[in-house]
């Protein structure tokens, strides 16, 4: 964990990317879809909105499945081909999100602790192997 954190702190890609308006919590619970799940009808809960790295919003799309994430990533890369480090930053933001989940579990809901640790093992430690 210490190695992952040091690498994240020294990662210059976090500082050299295009800054955009980010939702901040763009996961399936905040994306409204029509009855057939064929189209987005709205997005809610802008309480974490900020100017930042688009990878932060893309990181949460992995929760919707690999195929969906790959489609979103492909569209992003098509629209912004100059952003060559997007996938790397998304993986780091996924880890940071899970660390935030651990903090939340410790502070507000200790019953979620094991789930948070499991996600950290999967997202941070599994990605550190390769």
C-alpha atoms as a PDB file:
ATOM      1  CA  UNK A   1       0.000   0.000   0.000  1.00  0.00           C
ATOM      2  CA  UNK A   2       2.819   2.412   0.864  1.00  0.00           C
ATOM      3  CA  UNK A   3       4.457   1.777  -2.510  1.00  0.00           C
ATOM      4  CA  UNK A   4       1.171   2.426  -4.351  1.00  0.00           C
ATOM      5  CA  UNK A   5       0.619   5.644  -2.406  1.00  0.00           C
ATOM      6  CA  UNK A   6       4.166   6.927  -3.065  1.00  0.00           C
ATOM      7  CA  UNK A   7       3.771   6.199  -6.763  1.00  0.00           C
ATOM      8  CA  UNK A   8       0.450   8.060  -6.801  1.00  0.00           C
ATOM      9  CA  UNK A   9       2.005  11.097  -5.093  1.00  0.00           C
ATOM     10  CA  UNK A  10       4.860  11.180  -7.610  1.00  0.00           C
ATOM     11  CA  UNK A  11       2.643  10.573 -10.655  1.00  0.00           C
ATOM     12  CA  UNK A  12       3.000  13.647 -12.887  1.00  0.00           C
ATOM     13  CA  UNK A  13       0.042  12.587 -15.060  1.00  0.00           C
ATOM     14  CA  UNK A  14      -2.223  13.869 -12.273  1.00  0.00           C
ATOM     15  CA  UNK A  15      -0.938  17.385 -12.963  1.00  0.00           C
ATOM     16  CA  UNK A  16      -0.677  17.420 -16.757  1.00  0.00           C
ATOM     17  CA  UNK A  17      -4.090  16.741 -18.258  1.00  0.00           C
ATOM     18  CA  UNK A  18      -6.985  18.844 -19.468  1.00  0.00           C
ATOM     19  CA  UNK A  19      -9.099  20.177 -16.632  1.00  0.00           C
ATOM     20  CA  UNK A  20     -12.855  19.864 -17.102  1.00  0.00           C
ATOM     21  CA  UNK A  21     -16.047  20.220 -15.108  1.00  0.00           C
ATOM     22  CA  UNK A  22     -16.395  16.893 -13.275  1.00  0.00           C
ATOM     23  CA  UNK A  23     -19.537  15.544 -11.651  1.00  0.00           C
ATOM     24  CA  UNK A  24     -17.442  13.995  -8.878  1.00  0.00           C
ATOM     25  CA  UNK A  25     -19.740  11.065  -8.095  1.00  0.00           C
ATOM     26  CA  UNK A  26     -20.832   9.823 -11.504  1.00  0.00           C
ATOM     27  CA  UNK A  27     -21.889   6.273 -10.706  1.00  0.00           C
ATOM     28  CA  UNK A  28     -25.042   4.364 -11.626  1.00  0.00           C
ATOM     29  CA  UNK A  29     -27.014   5.689  -8.645  1.00  0.00           C
ATOM     30  CA  UNK A  30     -26.722   9.219 -10.013  1.00  0.00           C
ATOM     31  CA  UNK A  31     -27.462   8.434 -13.668  1.00  0.00           C
ATOM     32  CA  UNK A  32     -31.170   8.269 -14.515  1.00  0.00           C
ATOM     33  CA  UNK A  33     -32.258   6.114 -17.451  1.00  0.00           C
ATOM     34  CA  UNK A  34     -35.545   5.566 -19.265  1.00  0.00           C
ATOM     35  CA  UNK A  35     -37.808   2.587 -18.538  1.00  0.00           C
ATOM     36  CA  UNK A  36     -36.097   0.464 -21.204  1.00  0.00           C
ATOM     37  CA  UNK A  37     -32.604   1.407 -19.976  1.00  0.00           C
ATOM     38  CA  UNK A  38     -31.855   2.528 -23.508  1.00  0.00           C
ATOM     39  CA  UNK A  39     -31.081   6.164 -22.835  1.00  0.00           C
ATOM     40  CA  UNK A  40     -29.965   8.564 -20.150  1.00  0.00           C
ATOM     41  CA  UNK A  41     -32.750  10.888 -19.020  1.00  0.00           C
ATOM     42  CA  UNK A  42     -30.828  12.829 -16.393  1.00  0.00           C
ATOM     43  CA  UNK A  43     -27.967  13.076 -13.974  1.00  0.00           C
ATOM     44  CA  UNK A  44     -28.474  14.004 -10.317  1.00  0.00           C
ATOM     45  CA  UNK A  45     -26.468  14.874  -7.192  1.00  0.00           C
ATOM     46  CA  UNK A  46     -23.912  17.468  -8.157  1.00  0.00           C
ATOM     47  CA  UNK A  47     -22.704  17.974  -4.581  1.00  0.00           C
ATOM     48  CA  UNK A  48     -19.158  16.784  -5.428  1.00  0.00           C
ATOM     49  CA  UNK A  49     -18.858  18.800  -8.669  1.00  0.00           C
ATOM     50  CA  UNK A  50     -15.417  20.281  -9.271  1.00  0.00           C
ATOM     51  CA  UNK A  51     -12.961  21.327 -11.952  1.00  0.00           C
ATOM     52  CA  UNK A  52     -10.554  18.442 -12.350  1.00  0.00           C
ATOM     53  CA  UNK A  53      -9.422  15.343 -14.154  1.00  0.00           C
ATOM     54  CA  UNK A  54     -11.996  13.693 -16.449  1.00  0.00           C
ATOM     55  CA  UNK A  55     -10.493  10.375 -15.331  1.00  0.00           C
ATOM     56  CA  UNK A  56     -12.234  10.878 -11.985  1.00  0.00           C
ATOM     57  CA  UNK A  57     -15.671  10.611 -13.603  1.00  0.00           C
ATOM     58  CA  UNK A  58     -14.567   7.803 -15.932  1.00  0.00           C
ATOM     59  CA  UNK A  59     -13.261   5.784 -12.964  1.00  0.00           C
ATOM     60  CA  UNK A  60     -16.751   5.157 -11.634  1.00  0.00           C
ATOM     61  CA  UNK A  61     -17.974   3.771 -14.956  1.00  0.00           C
ATOM     62  CA  UNK A  62     -16.151   0.506 -14.253  1.00  0.00           C
ATOM     63  CA  UNK A  63     -18.892  -0.330 -11.759  1.00  0.00           C
ATOM     64  CA  UNK A  64     -21.273  -0.663 -14.692  1.00  0.00           C
ATOM     65  CA  UNK A  65     -19.324  -3.542 -16.193  1.00  0.00           C
ATOM     66  CA  UNK A  66     -16.273  -4.028 -18.372  1.00  0.00           C
ATOM     67  CA  UNK A  67     -18.150  -3.724 -21.673  1.00  0.00           C
ATOM     68  CA  UNK A  68     -19.822  -0.468 -20.664  1.00  0.00           C
ATOM     69  CA  UNK A  69     -16.560   0.963 -19.318  1.00  0.00           C
ATOM     70  CA  UNK A  70     -14.688   0.009 -22.495  1.00  0.00           C
ATOM     71  CA  UNK A  71     -17.369   1.666 -24.633  1.00  0.00           C
ATOM     72  CA  UNK A  72     -17.220   4.879 -22.587  1.00  0.00           C
ATOM     73  CA  UNK A  73     -13.410   4.856 -22.675  1.00  0.00           C
ATOM     74  CA  UNK A  74     -13.408   4.269 -26.431  1.00  0.00           C
ATOM     75  CA  UNK A  75     -15.740   7.240 -26.962  1.00  0.00           C
ATOM     76  CA  UNK A  76     -13.582   9.428 -24.748  1.00  0.00           C
ATOM     77  CA  UNK A  77     -10.388   8.418 -26.586  1.00  0.00           C
ATOM     78  CA  UNK A  78     -12.064   9.068 -29.923  1.00  0.00           C
ATOM     79  CA  UNK A  79     -13.111  12.551 -28.787  1.00  0.00           C
ATOM     80  CA  UNK A  80      -9.820  13.402 -27.073  1.00  0.00           C
ATOM     81  CA  UNK A  81      -7.021  11.437 -28.802  1.00  0.00           C
ATOM     82  CA  UNK A  82      -4.376  13.747 -27.335  1.00  0.00           C
ATOM     83  CA  UNK A  83      -5.124  12.419 -23.822  1.00  0.00           C
ATOM     84  CA  UNK A  84      -2.719   9.496 -23.942  1.00  0.00           C
ATOM     85  CA  UNK A  85      -2.626   8.843 -20.181  1.00  0.00           C
ATOM     86  CA  UNK A  86      -6.372   8.572 -19.538  1.00  0.00           C
ATOM     87  CA  UNK A  87      -6.408   4.821 -18.799  1.00  0.00           C
ATOM     88  CA  UNK A  88      -3.512   5.114 -16.357  1.00  0.00           C
ATOM     89  CA  UNK A  89      -5.198   7.990 -14.522  1.00  0.00           C
ATOM     90  CA  UNK A  90      -8.543   6.180 -14.430  1.00  0.00           C
ATOM     91  CA  UNK A  91      -6.889   3.220 -12.649  1.00  0.00           C
ATOM     92  CA  UNK A  92      -5.304   5.551 -10.093  1.00  0.00           C
ATOM     93  CA  UNK A  93      -8.613   7.336  -9.515  1.00  0.00           C
ATOM     94  CA  UNK A  94     -10.330   3.976  -9.016  1.00  0.00           C
ATOM     95  CA  UNK A  95      -7.850   3.235  -6.241  1.00  0.00           C
ATOM     96  CA  UNK A  96      -8.328   6.657  -4.676  1.00  0.00           C
ATOM     97  CA  UNK A  97     -12.102   6.159  -4.775  1.00  0.00           C
ATOM     98  CA  UNK A  98     -11.778   2.854  -2.912  1.00  0.00           C
ATOM     99  CA  UNK A  99      -9.556   4.488  -0.295  1.00  0.00           C
ATOM    100  CA  UNK A 100     -12.319   7.072   0.135  1.00  0.00           C
ATOM    101  CA  UNK A 101     -14.746   4.188   0.624  1.00  0.00           C
ATOM    102  CA  UNK A 102     -12.528   2.818   3.380  1.00  0.00           C
ATOM    103  CA  UNK A 103     -12.464   6.208   5.070  1.00  0.00           C
ATOM    104  CA  UNK A 104     -16.257   6.380   4.851  1.00  0.00           C
ATOM    105  CA  UNK A 105     -16.649   2.873   6.322  1.00  0.00           C
ATOM    106  CA  UNK A 106     -14.365   3.660   9.244  1.00  0.00           C
ATOM    107  CA  UNK A 107     -16.063   6.970   9.961  1.00  0.00           C
ATOM    108  CA  UNK A 108     -19.738   6.190   9.256  1.00  0.00           C
ATOM    109  CA  UNK A 109     -20.477   2.505   8.768  1.00  0.00           C
ATOM    110  CA  UNK A 110     -18.016  -0.033  10.144  1.00  0.00           C
ATOM    111  CA  UNK A 111     -20.167  -2.853   8.765  1.00  0.00           C
ATOM    112  CA  UNK A 112     -18.851  -1.880   5.299  1.00  0.00           C
ATOM    113  CA  UNK A 113     -15.221  -2.281   6.369  1.00  0.00           C
ATOM    114  CA  UNK A 114     -14.647  -5.773   4.949  1.00  0.00           C
ATOM    115  CA  UNK A 115     -16.267  -4.822   1.636  1.00  0.00           C
ATOM    116  CA  UNK A 116     -14.037  -1.739   1.434  1.00  0.00           C
ATOM    117  CA  UNK A 117     -10.912  -3.761   2.148  1.00  0.00           C
ATOM    118  CA  UNK A 118     -11.932  -6.309  -0.473  1.00  0.00           C
ATOM    119  CA  UNK A 119     -12.320  -3.568  -3.090  1.00  0.00           C
ATOM    120  CA  UNK A 120      -8.911  -2.155  -2.178  1.00  0.00           C
ATOM    121  CA  UNK A 121      -7.350  -5.590  -2.578  1.00  0.00           C
ATOM    122  CA  UNK A 122      -8.955  -5.919  -5.999  1.00  0.00           C
ATOM    123  CA  UNK A 123      -8.407  -2.409  -7.345  1.00  0.00           C
ATOM    124  CA  UNK A 124      -5.083  -1.382  -5.815  1.00  0.00           C
ATOM    125  CA  UNK A 125      -3.176  -4.571  -5.133  1.00  0.00           C
ATOM    126  CA  UNK A 126      -4.320  -6.452  -8.236  1.00  0.00           C
ATOM    127  CA  UNK A 127      -3.389  -3.479 -10.440  1.00  0.00           C
ATOM    128  CA  UNK A 128       0.036  -3.221  -8.749  1.00  0.00           C
ATOM    129  CA  UNK A 129       0.962  -6.725  -9.865  1.00  0.00           C
ATOM    130  CA  UNK A 130       1.198  -5.813 -13.531  1.00  0.00           C
END
